[in-house]
Each structure stands twice: as structure tokens, then as C-alpha cells.
Amino acid sequence: MKRYKWYVVGTTLILTALLFSACRKDNGPRTTPIYTEYTYPASIKASFPKPKQKEEKDKEEKDKDKKEEVKGLPNLDFNIDNRAMRVWNKIPLPYQSKFDSLDLTIAVTSEAVVKIINETTQKVTVYASNRRAQRIDATGGKLKLTVEIEKKPTLTYDLRILTYGYDPDKFTWTKESASLPIAAVDAKVLKYQNRIFWVASLSDGSSKLYEYELTNSKFPEVEGADIPAQLLPSSIVTDGKKQVWAISKDQKLYSSKDLKTWQAHDLGSVKVSQMIGEATTIDGKSNLLVIGHKEGSNLYQTYTITSSGAEPQGVLPKGFPVKEAYVYSYSQDGITAITLYSGLRFDNKPSTKSYFLSGSLQWGETPYQKEEKVLPNSGGLFLQTGKEAELFVIGGLYGEANQPSSEIKRSSDKGITWIALPNQTTVGGDLLPRHSASGIALGSDKALNIYLLGGIINGAPSQEIWHGHLDTTGGIINSFN
């Protein structure tokens, strides 16, 4: 007789027991476990009831209903201050948002009795911790939240639903009466050694260095500046040692420690088409990266710049932008993350995708922006604000015909998604389509100021200066301030 091993028999018995247990007819609802670790609210989230669909009769086809989906309000995540006993949503609701109820989810011990009192209507809702979300009366956006636990003091929080009282996407752009000192074909504004400079090149390839005084729009020229011919100011990057690097129109590499005197670097047969900048890899090593190719070759690669020249680091992905791309760089857990937006391929056609590296020297294609190209081919002014992950892009060349645009777009997630800002107010003139402008963004949120300098307008370099700011008169509705 064949003997079965003990673990085979044991497994069979366990599976049989589970099968009979699952088939019991008296299996009733399980008791919700009691979570006692959250005597304070650990997290509070909310969502708004989904809008109903509007049904309209199609005038041409009366037998068919036409449904239009109404866009809902975004979900909310709340800050909780257990000292001041205040709760408020991290990101205010959009301007002119309307609501009267929301679905609240609170992480708190199920031993607690939680009540939400609407300060406007005085309606009281008892929160049921065994439900996924509790519908509450949110009229007015000012609420009280109480947490009662036996033998413990009652906790009372002021809960506010913040809403923009102004349009955070609507800037007022004022054309300054002053003008730029020269009509630059390529330029860059950069903060360097606690000062703001404007480096600008003329059509003949010569460049000038100015200090930029934002408060009065003055540009005193820096004496003694000897900038190499054909240098591209827009390519300038700064490394961790406060040394600046740039390339020239003929793809040579230069560096400077004061923006006034520059040193050429011999890279042999390597031509540099795109500055990337400094990148710290996962092993803690710092590398100065450029994109380039050997003279006479169309094989572009990433190169690291060393004291002895340029070392290749591998072939680039197909469709990679080898010039005129915007380099978005930030530190993440001690390593450098870099994403490239816009730019031109080796065949001078626009790159339709974006590429990134993080912790290594190898590039990969980002998993987003797969659909219609939303960013300019080249020539857009990309600006980082004082708010983490926020980017703007102004103007640039779009479409197959490379048409200049006056469009302004914003990203709040490091360039993953972009929204157009169509409702801009201008004072002193029209904000005309342009490309290759320079500028700077200072501050964030209500204190955000954007300075837009020059650019190519109607085929010629402009000397215009524009200042963009938000009209924040309406403030934040329901703010504690």
C-alpha cells in the first residue's frame, strides 16, 4: 500500500476544513475590530458627492439622450494641528467652488464618539467609524469636530474648508515703462552669489553682463566682463561649487567662477550640444553631465566632464532631445533627479516625449505625456517658483510650423501634468506671442511674482519687460488668519 507523506494529509485536512467553514449557512457579519491606537484623529480626508449627469435632448435626434458630465470638486486631504486644535485642507478648493455636503473619512479609534457640528446650520452628524465615509452638512465650510472617549477629556477641533477667494490662475501682467538695455537674441536671468544677473547675447554673437535690479528695472552693466564669442547664455548651469558652465554656438564648453572671466575646456573631438549640469548618483559621486557627439558623427551620448576631457556614458534613447531642452533638476534623498522637457532631436525635429534620470547616468522615458504634445517644441521660458514642484512655461514654438505662442502653462507636480492659464489681464499693451524669452519667478502662492524679459517677437528681439502678479484681494475663504 502506497504511503502518503504527513504534510500531504495535513494540507488536505486544512483545505477541507476551510471549505466546510466557507459553506456554513450561519456565517453572520463579522464584528468590526476596535482600533485603540488613534485617540487623536490620525488622518482626515474628504470627497464631494459625484455630480449628477445632465441629460439634454439632441435637437437633431429627438429619440436619443445626450449626457454631459459635470466636473466635480477635487478630493481633500487635511492638515491636523493637535496643539492649536485646528484642521484645514492642504490645498484650497478652486476659485468660486460651490458645495453643501461632503463625505468625510476619519482615522480614529472606534471607541470614540465623533461629532461634526456645522457652525452655519448647527446640524450635528455623528460619525460612524465602521463606515467608509460619512456624509456631512458642509454648508459654509466652517465646522466643529469633537472626539469623546470614556474617561478622557473631550477634544474639540475647528475644521475649515478653505477655498480660493481669488483666481490663482489669473495673473495681471503689467508692461514696464523701462526697457532692456539691449535687444537680445539669447539671454538668461540667474541668481548667483546672492545677486541677480542678466546675461544677454546680441545677433553678432557678442554678449554682455548686467546686474538686474528688479525693484526699479535697472540694468547696470558689469565692468570688465569678457564673455566668449558665440556663448549661449540660455545654456548656463551652476554646479555645487558655485562654478558656472555654458556652451557656445559652435558647441564648445566654457566655465567661469565670477561670470566675468571664462575658461575654455578642451574636449578633443567631442562637441557639446546640451548642458545638463551636476548630478549626484546613488553611490554619492557627483558628475557634471553634458549631451554631445564626436565631430562628424550623429551618435549622441551622455558625457561626464573630467579634468582630462569628456567620458561617454552610453547611447541615448530613441527620440531624445539633444539640444534646447529645459533641464528640471532637484534633489531627492541625497541623489539628483533630472527631467528634460521640450528640445530638439539630432535631426532638428521636436522631441515628443520627456526623459529622466535618477541616481544613475542612464536616461529613461517618462511614463507620462504619451498623448498630444502639450509643451513647446523649443524656445519656451520655463520657470521654477518658490513652491515645491511648481513650474511655469511661457511662450515658445509650437506645432509643425514652429509658430510662436503667448500661452502660459503651469504644472503643480514637477511637470507631470500641465494646465493652460487662459484668463490673463494685461496692462500697458498686449502680451504678444514670443519665444526665447528670459525671466525669473520669485516667491510662491499669493506672493508669487514673475518677471518676463524680451524674447523674439514677430521675428525680431524685443526689449519689453513684463511683471506678472496675482490679485489676491479675495484672500482664502475660511482662513484662520
Foldseek 3Di string as FASTA:
>chain_A
DDDDDPVVVVVVVVVVVVVVVVPDPPDDDDDDDWDAPFQDWPWKKKAAPADDWDWDADPVHRVDIDTDGDDGWDIFTWDADQVVQEIETPDATAAPDDDFKIWMATPHTQQKWKWKAAPVVRDIDTDHNVDRTDIDGCPQFWIWIWIDHPPDDIRIHTYGRKHAQFHLLAKEKEWDPDWAPDQFAFWAWDQAPNFIKIWGAHPQQDIFIWTADPVRRDTHTDPQADDDGQWHNVQWDAAPVRKIWTAGPQQWIWIGNPNRDIDTDDQDQKGFAHFQAWWQAPVRDIWGWTWTDGPPDLFIFIWTQDNVHTDGDDGADPLDARHQWDWDWDDDPNTIKIKTHAHAHSVRHIRQFMWIDIRDRHIDTDPASPDGRPDANHQWEWEDEPQPLKIKTAWFFHDPVRDIDRWMWMTNHNPRDIDTSPNYHYHPDDSAGFGNWYWYWYHDDQPIKIWIAWGQGPNTTTGIIMIIHTDSVRPMRRDPD
